[in-house]
Amino acid sequence: MDADGLRTLQAPLKARYNEEPDTALITLKAQGALDGEDIVCSVETGRAMVEAGLHPATGGDGMAACSGDMLLQALVACAGVTVRAVATAIGIDLRGGTVDAEGDLDFRGTLGVSKEAQVGFTAIRLAFDLDTDADAEQLETLLKLTERYCVVFQTLRATPQIQVSHRVV
């Protein structure tokens, strides 16, 4: 897809959202099933069922997906789609490349070994290796706009309000 194709695709959406801002507000949903005896949560991804379980550093056998890995994968997916869309929109020829994310965890926190150890990632690094002839200024703009418009990146950076509820079924 080229810049004109992307603009043509997005123009009616942008016009609608500008004229009717409420139509841009969408609630995305995910659900997991807690079936069986194992310590797993089966999550429907829209393409396949993924069984998430304990990371080996917390006693898992490595057979189930780790939710921490899934978080990094979501960041990579979002950043990858966003960098492609931005490159297309601003006319940068992006022939290919890779997007990598890595994050640091101290499992003492999640296992309750140390109250001083944070539960969750203490640092996340996102890296792009891009096959392009873009100059330094274009690359700076590309990455700045990718950060700005990547939903997962901005969600991690801004820490959204989270509400928890429960019911007995």
N, C-alpha and C. Protein backbone atom coordinates (compact mmCIF):
# COMPACT_ATOMS: atom_id res chain seq x y z
N MET A 1 0.85 -1.17 0.00
CA MET A 1 0.00 0.00 0.00
C MET A 1 0.89 1.24 0.00
N ASP A 2 0.47 2.24 -0.75
CA ASP A 2 1.20 3.51 -0.78
C ASP A 2 0.46 4.56 0.05
N ALA A 3 1.05 5.74 0.14
CA ALA A 3 0.47 6.81 0.97
C ALA A 3 -0.93 7.19 0.49
N ASP A 4 -1.14 7.26 -0.82
CA ASP A 4 -2.46 7.61 -1.34
C ASP A 4 -3.49 6.54 -0.97
N GLY A 5 -3.10 5.28 -1.06
CA GLY A 5 -4.00 4.19 -0.70
C GLY A 5 -4.38 4.23 0.77
N LEU A 6 -3.39 4.51 1.62
CA LEU A 6 -3.66 4.61 3.06
C LEU A 6 -4.57 5.79 3.35
N ARG A 7 -4.30 6.93 2.72
CA ARG A 7 -5.16 8.11 2.93
C ARG A 7 -6.59 7.83 2.47
N THR A 8 -6.73 7.17 1.32
CA THR A 8 -8.06 6.83 0.80
C THR A 8 -8.79 5.90 1.77
N LEU A 9 -8.07 4.95 2.31
CA LEU A 9 -8.65 3.99 3.26
C LEU A 9 -9.09 4.68 4.56
N GLN A 10 -8.27 5.60 5.05
CA GLN A 10 -8.53 6.21 6.35
C GLN A 10 -9.35 7.50 6.28
N ALA A 11 -9.44 8.13 5.14
CA ALA A 11 -10.14 9.42 5.02
C ALA A 11 -11.58 9.37 5.52
N PRO A 12 -12.38 8.38 5.12
CA PRO A 12 -13.76 8.38 5.62
C PRO A 12 -13.84 8.15 7.13
N LEU A 13 -12.92 7.37 7.66
CA LEU A 13 -12.89 7.16 9.11
C LEU A 13 -12.55 8.45 9.84
N LYS A 14 -11.52 9.14 9.36
CA LYS A 14 -11.11 10.39 10.00
C LYS A 14 -12.23 11.43 9.92
N ALA A 15 -12.90 11.51 8.78
CA ALA A 15 -14.00 12.47 8.63
C ALA A 15 -15.13 12.13 9.60
N ARG A 16 -15.47 10.87 9.68
CA ARG A 16 -16.56 10.46 10.58
C ARG A 16 -16.19 10.76 12.03
N TYR A 17 -14.97 10.43 12.42
CA TYR A 17 -14.55 10.65 13.80
C TYR A 17 -14.46 12.14 14.12
N ASN A 18 -14.14 12.95 13.13
CA ASN A 18 -14.09 14.40 13.32
C ASN A 18 -15.50 14.97 13.49
N GLU A 19 -16.44 14.48 12.68
CA GLU A 19 -17.82 14.97 12.72
C GLU A 19 -18.61 14.37 13.89
N GLU A 20 -18.33 13.13 14.21
CA GLU A 20 -19.04 12.42 15.28
C GLU A 20 -18.01 11.76 16.21
N PRO A 21 -17.40 12.54 17.10
CA PRO A 21 -16.33 12.02 17.95
C PRO A 21 -16.69 10.76 18.74
N ASP A 22 -17.94 10.62 19.12
CA ASP A 22 -18.34 9.45 19.90
C ASP A 22 -18.18 8.15 19.13
N THR A 23 -18.21 8.22 17.79
CA THR A 23 -18.07 6.99 17.00
C THR A 23 -16.64 6.46 17.03
N ALA A 24 -15.69 7.26 17.49
CA ALA A 24 -14.29 6.83 17.58
C ALA A 24 -14.00 6.09 18.88
N LEU A 25 -14.94 6.14 19.81
CA LEU A 25 -14.75 5.49 21.11
C LEU A 25 -15.20 4.04 21.02
N ILE A 26 -14.25 3.13 21.11
CA ILE A 26 -14.53 1.70 20.96
C ILE A 26 -13.97 0.98 22.18
N THR A 27 -14.68 -0.01 22.64
CA THR A 27 -14.21 -0.85 23.74
C THR A 27 -13.73 -2.17 23.16
N LEU A 28 -12.44 -2.43 23.27
CA LEU A 28 -11.89 -3.72 22.87
C LEU A 28 -12.04 -4.67 24.05
N LYS A 29 -12.18 -5.95 23.76
CA LYS A 29 -12.43 -6.91 24.83
C LYS A 29 -11.54 -8.14 24.67
N ALA A 30 -11.24 -8.76 25.77
CA ALA A 30 -10.54 -10.03 25.80
C ALA A 30 -11.15 -10.85 26.92
N GLN A 31 -11.15 -12.16 26.75
CA GLN A 31 -11.69 -13.03 27.78
C GLN A 31 -10.83 -14.27 27.89
N GLY A 32 -10.67 -14.73 29.12
CA GLY A 32 -9.93 -15.96 29.37
C GLY A 32 -10.78 -16.94 30.14
N ALA A 33 -10.55 -18.22 29.88
CA ALA A 33 -11.30 -19.28 30.57
C ALA A 33 -10.38 -19.97 31.57
N LEU A 34 -10.91 -20.20 32.76
CA LEU A 34 -10.16 -20.84 33.84
C LEU A 34 -10.67 -22.26 34.02
N ASP A 35 -10.59 -23.07 32.98
CA ASP A 35 -11.11 -24.43 33.01
C ASP A 35 -10.02 -25.41 33.43
N GLY A 36 -10.44 -26.51 34.00
CA GLY A 36 -9.52 -27.59 34.32
C GLY A 36 -8.77 -27.37 35.62
N GLU A 37 -7.84 -28.26 35.87
CA GLU A 37 -7.09 -28.28 37.13
C GLU A 37 -5.76 -27.52 37.04
N ASP A 38 -5.23 -27.33 35.83
CA ASP A 38 -3.91 -26.71 35.67
C ASP A 38 -3.96 -25.21 35.95
N ILE A 39 -2.80 -24.66 36.25
CA ILE A 39 -2.70 -23.21 36.48
C ILE A 39 -2.46 -22.54 35.13
N VAL A 40 -3.56 -22.42 34.38
CA VAL A 40 -3.52 -21.80 33.06
C VAL A 40 -4.78 -20.96 32.87
N CYS A 41 -4.71 -20.07 31.90
CA CYS A 41 -5.85 -19.27 31.48
C CYS A 41 -5.87 -19.34 29.96
N SER A 42 -6.95 -19.87 29.40
CA SER A 42 -7.08 -19.98 27.95
C SER A 42 -7.67 -18.69 27.39
N VAL A 43 -6.93 -18.05 26.49
CA VAL A 43 -7.32 -16.74 25.96
C VAL A 43 -7.60 -16.87 24.47
N GLU A 44 -8.77 -16.41 24.06
CA GLU A 44 -9.12 -16.39 22.65
C GLU A 44 -8.50 -15.16 22.01
N THR A 45 -7.69 -15.35 20.96
CA THR A 45 -7.00 -14.23 20.33
C THR A 45 -7.71 -13.70 19.10
N GLY A 46 -8.76 -14.36 18.68
CA GLY A 46 -9.42 -13.98 17.44
C GLY A 46 -8.94 -14.84 16.29
N ARG A 47 -7.79 -15.45 16.43
CA ARG A 47 -7.23 -16.36 15.43
C ARG A 47 -7.09 -17.78 15.98
N ALA A 48 -6.77 -17.86 17.26
CA ALA A 48 -6.56 -19.17 17.89
C ALA A 48 -6.66 -19.01 19.40
N MET A 49 -6.81 -20.11 20.07
CA MET A 49 -6.82 -20.11 21.53
C MET A 49 -5.37 -20.21 22.00
N VAL A 50 -5.00 -19.35 22.94
CA VAL A 50 -3.66 -19.40 23.52
C VAL A 50 -3.81 -19.76 24.98
N GLU A 51 -3.05 -20.73 25.42
CA GLU A 51 -3.07 -21.13 26.82
C GLU A 51 -1.90 -20.46 27.52
N ALA A 52 -2.21 -19.55 28.43
CA ALA A 52 -1.19 -18.83 29.19
C ALA A 52 -1.00 -19.53 30.53
N GLY A 53 0.22 -19.60 30.96
CA GLY A 53 0.51 -20.25 32.23
C GLY A 53 1.71 -19.64 32.91
N LEU A 54 2.19 -20.34 33.90
CA LEU A 54 3.33 -19.86 34.68
C LEU A 54 4.62 -19.88 33.85
N HIS A 55 5.40 -18.83 34.00
CA HIS A 55 6.74 -18.79 33.41
C HIS A 55 7.61 -19.79 34.16
N PRO A 56 8.59 -20.40 33.49
CA PRO A 56 9.47 -21.33 34.20
C PRO A 56 10.13 -20.74 35.45
N ALA A 57 10.35 -19.43 35.47
CA ALA A 57 10.96 -18.81 36.65
C ALA A 57 10.00 -18.74 37.84
N THR A 58 8.72 -19.09 37.60
CA THR A 58 7.75 -19.13 38.69
C THR A 58 7.18 -20.53 38.89
N GLY A 59 7.80 -21.52 38.26
CA GLY A 59 7.38 -22.91 38.44
C GLY A 59 6.69 -23.53 37.24
N GLY A 60 6.55 -22.79 36.14
CA GLY A 60 5.91 -23.34 34.95
C GLY A 60 6.85 -24.28 34.21
N ASP A 61 6.25 -25.08 33.32
CA ASP A 61 7.05 -26.04 32.56
C ASP A 61 7.47 -25.50 31.20
N GLY A 62 7.07 -24.27 30.87
CA GLY A 62 7.45 -23.67 29.60
C GLY A 62 6.56 -24.06 28.43
N MET A 63 5.55 -24.89 28.68
CA MET A 63 4.66 -25.34 27.61
C MET A 63 3.56 -24.31 27.31
N ALA A 64 3.18 -23.53 28.29
CA ALA A 64 2.14 -22.52 28.09
C ALA A 64 2.80 -21.16 27.81
N ALA A 65 2.07 -20.30 27.14
CA ALA A 65 2.57 -18.96 26.87
C ALA A 65 2.70 -18.19 28.18
N CYS A 66 3.67 -17.30 28.24
CA CYS A 66 3.87 -16.45 29.41
C CYS A 66 3.21 -15.10 29.12
N SER A 67 2.40 -14.62 30.05
CA SER A 67 1.70 -13.35 29.83
C SER A 67 2.67 -12.18 29.68
N GLY A 68 3.82 -12.25 30.35
CA GLY A 68 4.83 -11.20 30.16
C GLY A 68 5.36 -11.19 28.74
N ASP A 69 5.60 -12.38 28.18
CA ASP A 69 6.01 -12.47 26.78
C ASP A 69 4.91 -11.94 25.87
N MET A 70 3.66 -12.26 26.21
CA MET A 70 2.54 -11.81 25.40
C MET A 70 2.42 -10.28 25.41
N LEU A 71 2.73 -9.66 26.54
CA LEU A 71 2.72 -8.20 26.62
C LEU A 71 3.78 -7.62 25.69
N LEU A 72 4.98 -8.19 25.72
CA LEU A 72 6.04 -7.72 24.83
C LEU A 72 5.68 -7.98 23.37
N GLN A 73 5.05 -9.12 23.10
CA GLN A 73 4.62 -9.43 21.74
C GLN A 73 3.57 -8.43 21.25
N ALA A 74 2.66 -8.03 22.14
CA ALA A 74 1.66 -7.02 21.77
C ALA A 74 2.34 -5.69 21.45
N LEU A 75 3.36 -5.33 22.23
CA LEU A 75 4.10 -4.10 21.96
C LEU A 75 4.79 -4.18 20.60
N VAL A 76 5.45 -5.30 20.32
CA VAL A 76 6.14 -5.47 19.03
C VAL A 76 5.14 -5.42 17.88
N ALA A 77 4.01 -6.10 18.03
CA ALA A 77 3.00 -6.10 16.97
C ALA A 77 2.49 -4.70 16.70
N CYS A 78 2.15 -3.99 17.75
CA CYS A 78 1.61 -2.63 17.60
C CYS A 78 2.66 -1.69 17.01
N ALA A 79 3.86 -1.75 17.54
CA ALA A 79 4.94 -0.89 17.03
C ALA A 79 5.26 -1.21 15.58
N GLY A 80 5.23 -2.50 15.23
CA GLY A 80 5.51 -2.90 13.86
C GLY A 80 4.47 -2.39 12.88
N VAL A 81 3.20 -2.54 13.23
CA VAL A 81 2.12 -2.04 12.37
C VAL A 81 2.19 -0.52 12.29
N THR A 82 2.45 0.11 13.42
CA THR A 82 2.48 1.58 13.45
C THR A 82 3.64 2.13 12.63
N VAL A 83 4.84 1.55 12.77
CA VAL A 83 5.98 2.06 12.00
C VAL A 83 5.73 1.87 10.50
N ARG A 84 5.09 0.78 10.12
CA ARG A 84 4.75 0.56 8.71
C ARG A 84 3.75 1.61 8.22
N ALA A 85 2.71 1.86 9.02
CA ALA A 85 1.68 2.83 8.63
C ALA A 85 2.26 4.24 8.54
N VAL A 86 3.08 4.60 9.53
CA VAL A 86 3.68 5.94 9.52
C VAL A 86 4.63 6.09 8.33
N ALA A 87 5.45 5.08 8.09
CA ALA A 87 6.37 5.14 6.95
C ALA A 87 5.59 5.33 5.65
N THR A 88 4.51 4.60 5.52
CA THR A 88 3.67 4.72 4.33
C THR A 88 3.08 6.13 4.23
N ALA A 89 2.56 6.62 5.34
CA ALA A 89 1.90 7.94 5.34
C ALA A 89 2.86 9.07 5.01
N ILE A 90 4.10 8.98 5.47
CA ILE A 90 5.04 10.09 5.23
C ILE A 90 5.99 9.83 4.06
N GLY A 91 5.74 8.74 3.34
CA GLY A 91 6.48 8.49 2.10
C GLY A 91 7.88 7.92 2.27
N ILE A 92 8.11 7.19 3.35
CA ILE A 92 9.41 6.53 3.53
C ILE A 92 9.30 5.11 3.01
N ASP A 93 10.22 4.73 2.13
CA ASP A 93 10.25 3.37 1.61
C ASP A 93 10.86 2.46 2.68
N LEU A 94 10.00 1.67 3.31
CA LEU A 94 10.43 0.73 4.35
C LEU A 94 10.34 -0.66 3.74
N ARG A 95 11.49 -1.18 3.31
CA ARG A 95 11.52 -2.46 2.61
C ARG A 95 11.34 -3.65 3.54
N GLY A 96 11.68 -3.47 4.80
CA GLY A 96 11.57 -4.56 5.77
C GLY A 96 12.29 -4.19 7.04
N GLY A 97 12.55 -5.19 7.86
CA GLY A 97 13.26 -4.94 9.12
C GLY A 97 12.69 -5.81 10.22
N THR A 98 13.08 -5.48 11.43
CA THR A 98 12.58 -6.20 12.60
C THR A 98 12.27 -5.21 13.71
N VAL A 99 11.39 -5.65 14.59
CA VAL A 99 11.07 -4.90 15.80
C VAL A 99 11.29 -5.87 16.95
N ASP A 100 12.06 -5.45 17.93
CA ASP A 100 12.37 -6.30 19.08
C ASP A 100 12.01 -5.58 20.37
N ALA A 101 11.47 -6.34 21.32
CA ALA A 101 11.21 -5.80 22.65
C ALA A 101 11.78 -6.78 23.66
N GLU A 102 12.35 -6.23 24.70
CA GLU A 102 12.79 -7.05 25.82
C GLU A 102 12.49 -6.29 27.10
N GLY A 103 12.20 -7.06 28.13
CA GLY A 103 11.84 -6.43 29.40
C GLY A 103 12.48 -7.15 30.56
N ASP A 104 12.78 -6.39 31.59
CA ASP A 104 13.44 -6.92 32.79
C ASP A 104 12.41 -7.14 33.89
N LEU A 105 12.46 -8.34 34.49
CA LEU A 105 11.58 -8.72 35.59
C LEU A 105 12.42 -9.27 36.74
N ASP A 106 11.98 -9.00 37.94
CA ASP A 106 12.57 -9.62 39.14
C ASP A 106 11.48 -10.53 39.71
N PHE A 107 11.63 -11.82 39.50
CA PHE A 107 10.58 -12.75 39.89
C PHE A 107 10.41 -12.89 41.40
N ARG A 108 11.31 -12.29 42.17
CA ARG A 108 11.10 -12.28 43.62
C ARG A 108 9.82 -11.53 43.98
N GLY A 109 9.48 -10.51 43.17
CA GLY A 109 8.27 -9.73 43.43
C GLY A 109 7.01 -10.54 43.24
N THR A 110 6.87 -11.17 42.08
CA THR A 110 5.64 -11.90 41.80
C THR A 110 5.51 -13.18 42.65
N LEU A 111 6.62 -13.71 43.14
CA LEU A 111 6.56 -14.89 44.01
C LEU A 111 6.46 -14.52 45.49
N GLY A 112 6.45 -13.23 45.78
CA GLY A 112 6.31 -12.80 47.17
C GLY A 112 7.54 -13.08 48.02
N VAL A 113 8.69 -13.23 47.40
CA VAL A 113 9.93 -13.50 48.12
C VAL A 113 10.46 -12.22 48.76
N SER A 114 10.25 -11.08 48.07
CA SER A 114 10.75 -9.81 48.56
C SER A 114 9.72 -8.72 48.31
N LYS A 115 9.34 -8.04 49.39
CA LYS A 115 8.40 -6.93 49.24
C LYS A 115 9.05 -5.74 48.54
N GLU A 116 10.37 -5.69 48.55
CA GLU A 116 11.08 -4.59 47.89
C GLU A 116 11.18 -4.80 46.38
N ALA A 117 11.04 -6.04 45.92
CA ALA A 117 11.14 -6.32 44.48
C ALA A 117 9.82 -5.97 43.81
N GLN A 118 9.89 -5.19 42.77
CA GLN A 118 8.70 -4.77 42.03
C GLN A 118 8.04 -5.97 41.37
N VAL A 119 6.72 -5.99 41.38
CA VAL A 119 5.96 -6.96 40.61
C VAL A 119 5.74 -6.34 39.23
N GLY A 120 6.21 -6.98 38.21
CA GLY A 120 6.08 -6.44 36.85
C GLY A 120 7.41 -6.00 36.29
N PHE A 121 7.35 -5.53 35.07
CA PHE A 121 8.56 -5.10 34.37
C PHE A 121 9.14 -3.85 35.03
N THR A 122 10.43 -3.85 35.21
CA THR A 122 11.13 -2.67 35.72
C THR A 122 11.68 -1.83 34.57
N ALA A 123 11.86 -2.44 33.41
CA ALA A 123 12.35 -1.73 32.23
C ALA A 123 11.93 -2.51 30.99
N ILE A 124 11.59 -1.78 29.95
CA ILE A 124 11.28 -2.37 28.65
C ILE A 124 12.07 -1.60 27.60
N ARG A 125 12.69 -2.34 26.70
CA ARG A 125 13.45 -1.74 25.60
C ARG A 125 12.83 -2.16 24.28
N LEU A 126 12.59 -1.20 23.41
CA LEU A 126 12.02 -1.44 22.09
C LEU A 126 13.04 -1.00 21.06
N ALA A 127 13.36 -1.89 20.11
CA ALA A 127 14.39 -1.59 19.12
C ALA A 127 13.88 -1.89 17.71
N PHE A 128 14.24 -1.05 16.78
CA PHE A 128 13.89 -1.20 15.38
C PHE A 128 15.16 -1.37 14.56
N ASP A 129 15.20 -2.37 13.71
CA ASP A 129 16.24 -2.51 12.68
C ASP A 129 15.50 -2.38 11.36
N LEU A 130 15.71 -1.28 10.66
CA LEU A 130 14.89 -0.96 9.50
C LEU A 130 15.71 -0.98 8.22
N ASP A 131 15.16 -1.63 7.20
CA ASP A 131 15.77 -1.66 5.87
C ASP A 131 15.15 -0.53 5.07
N THR A 132 15.86 0.59 5.02
CA THR A 132 15.36 1.79 4.37
C THR A 132 16.53 2.68 3.95
N ASP A 133 16.26 3.54 3.00
CA ASP A 133 17.25 4.54 2.59
C ASP A 133 16.95 5.89 3.22
N ALA A 134 16.03 5.94 4.17
CA ALA A 134 15.67 7.20 4.82
C ALA A 134 16.89 7.82 5.49
N ASP A 135 16.97 9.14 5.46
CA ASP A 135 18.09 9.82 6.12
C ASP A 135 17.80 9.95 7.61
N ALA A 136 18.75 10.48 8.35
CA ALA A 136 18.65 10.57 9.81
C ALA A 136 17.43 11.38 10.25
N GLU A 137 17.15 12.48 9.58
CA GLU A 137 16.01 13.32 9.94
C GLU A 137 14.69 12.58 9.70
N GLN A 138 14.59 11.88 8.58
CA GLN A 138 13.38 11.11 8.28
C GLN A 138 13.20 9.99 9.31
N LEU A 139 14.28 9.32 9.67
CA LEU A 139 14.20 8.25 10.67
C LEU A 139 13.76 8.79 12.02
N GLU A 140 14.28 9.95 12.40
CA GLU A 140 13.87 10.56 13.66
C GLU A 140 12.38 10.85 13.66
N THR A 141 11.88 11.40 12.56
CA THR A 141 10.45 11.68 12.44
C THR A 141 9.65 10.38 12.47
N LEU A 142 10.10 9.38 11.75
CA LEU A 142 9.41 8.09 11.70
C LEU A 142 9.28 7.49 13.09
N LEU A 143 10.36 7.47 13.85
CA LEU A 143 10.32 6.86 15.18
C LEU A 143 9.53 7.72 16.17
N LYS A 144 9.63 9.04 16.05
CA LYS A 144 8.86 9.92 16.93
C LYS A 144 7.36 9.72 16.70
N LEU A 145 6.95 9.64 15.45
CA LEU A 145 5.54 9.44 15.14
C LEU A 145 5.07 8.03 15.49
N THR A 146 5.95 7.05 15.35
CA THR A 146 5.62 5.68 15.74
C THR A 146 5.34 5.63 17.24
N GLU A 147 6.21 6.23 18.03
CA GLU A 147 5.98 6.29 19.48
C GLU A 147 4.66 7.00 19.78
N ARG A 148 4.42 8.09 19.10
CA ARG A 148 3.22 8.89 19.37
C ARG A 148 1.92 8.14 19.07
N TYR A 149 1.91 7.35 18.01
CA TYR A 149 0.66 6.72 17.57
C TYR A 149 0.55 5.23 17.89
N CYS A 150 1.55 4.64 18.51
CA CYS A 150 1.48 3.22 18.88
C CYS A 150 0.65 3.07 20.16
N VAL A 151 -0.51 2.43 20.04
CA VAL A 151 -1.45 2.31 21.15
C VAL A 151 -0.83 1.59 22.35
N VAL A 152 -0.17 0.48 22.12
CA VAL A 152 0.39 -0.29 23.24
C VAL A 152 1.53 0.49 23.89
N PHE A 153 2.39 1.11 23.11
CA PHE A 153 3.48 1.92 23.65
C PHE A 153 2.93 3.02 24.54
N GLN A 154 1.95 3.77 24.03
CA GLN A 154 1.39 4.88 24.79
C GLN A 154 0.63 4.40 26.02
N THR A 155 0.00 3.23 25.93
CA THR A 155 -0.70 2.67 27.09
C THR A 155 0.29 2.33 28.19
N LEU A 156 1.40 1.71 27.83
CA LEU A 156 2.42 1.38 28.83
C LEU A 156 3.03 2.64 29.42
N ARG A 157 3.23 3.64 28.60
CA ARG A 157 3.84 4.88 29.06
C ARG A 157 2.90 5.68 29.97
N ALA A 158 1.60 5.68 29.67
CA ALA A 158 0.65 6.54 30.38
C ALA A 158 -0.03 5.89 31.58
N THR A 159 0.05 4.60 31.72
CA THR A 159 -0.60 3.86 32.81
C THR A 159 -2.09 4.21 32.90
N PRO A 160 -2.92 3.47 32.19
CA PRO A 160 -4.36 3.77 32.22
C PRO A 160 -4.99 3.44 33.56
N GLN A 161 -6.14 4.04 33.79
CA GLN A 161 -6.92 3.70 34.98
C GLN A 161 -7.44 2.28 34.80
N ILE A 162 -7.29 1.44 35.81
CA ILE A 162 -7.76 0.06 35.74
C ILE A 162 -8.73 -0.19 36.88
N GLN A 163 -9.86 -0.76 36.55
CA GLN A 163 -10.86 -1.12 37.55
C GLN A 163 -10.96 -2.64 37.59
N VAL A 164 -11.10 -3.20 38.76
CA VAL A 164 -11.23 -4.64 38.93
C VAL A 164 -12.58 -4.91 39.59
N SER A 165 -13.29 -5.90 39.09
CA SER A 165 -14.56 -6.31 39.69
C SER A 165 -14.59 -7.83 39.73
N HIS A 166 -15.54 -8.36 40.44
CA HIS A 166 -15.71 -9.81 40.50
C HIS A 166 -17.16 -10.16 40.77
N ARG A 167 -17.49 -11.38 40.46
CA ARG A 167 -18.79 -11.94 40.82
C ARG A 167 -18.62 -13.45 40.94
N VAL A 168 -19.46 -14.05 41.69
CA VAL A 168 -19.43 -15.49 41.85
C VAL A 168 -20.46 -16.09 40.91
N VAL A 169 -20.03 -17.05 40.10
CA VAL A 169 -20.96 -17.66 39.12
C VAL A 169 -21.21 -19.12 39.48
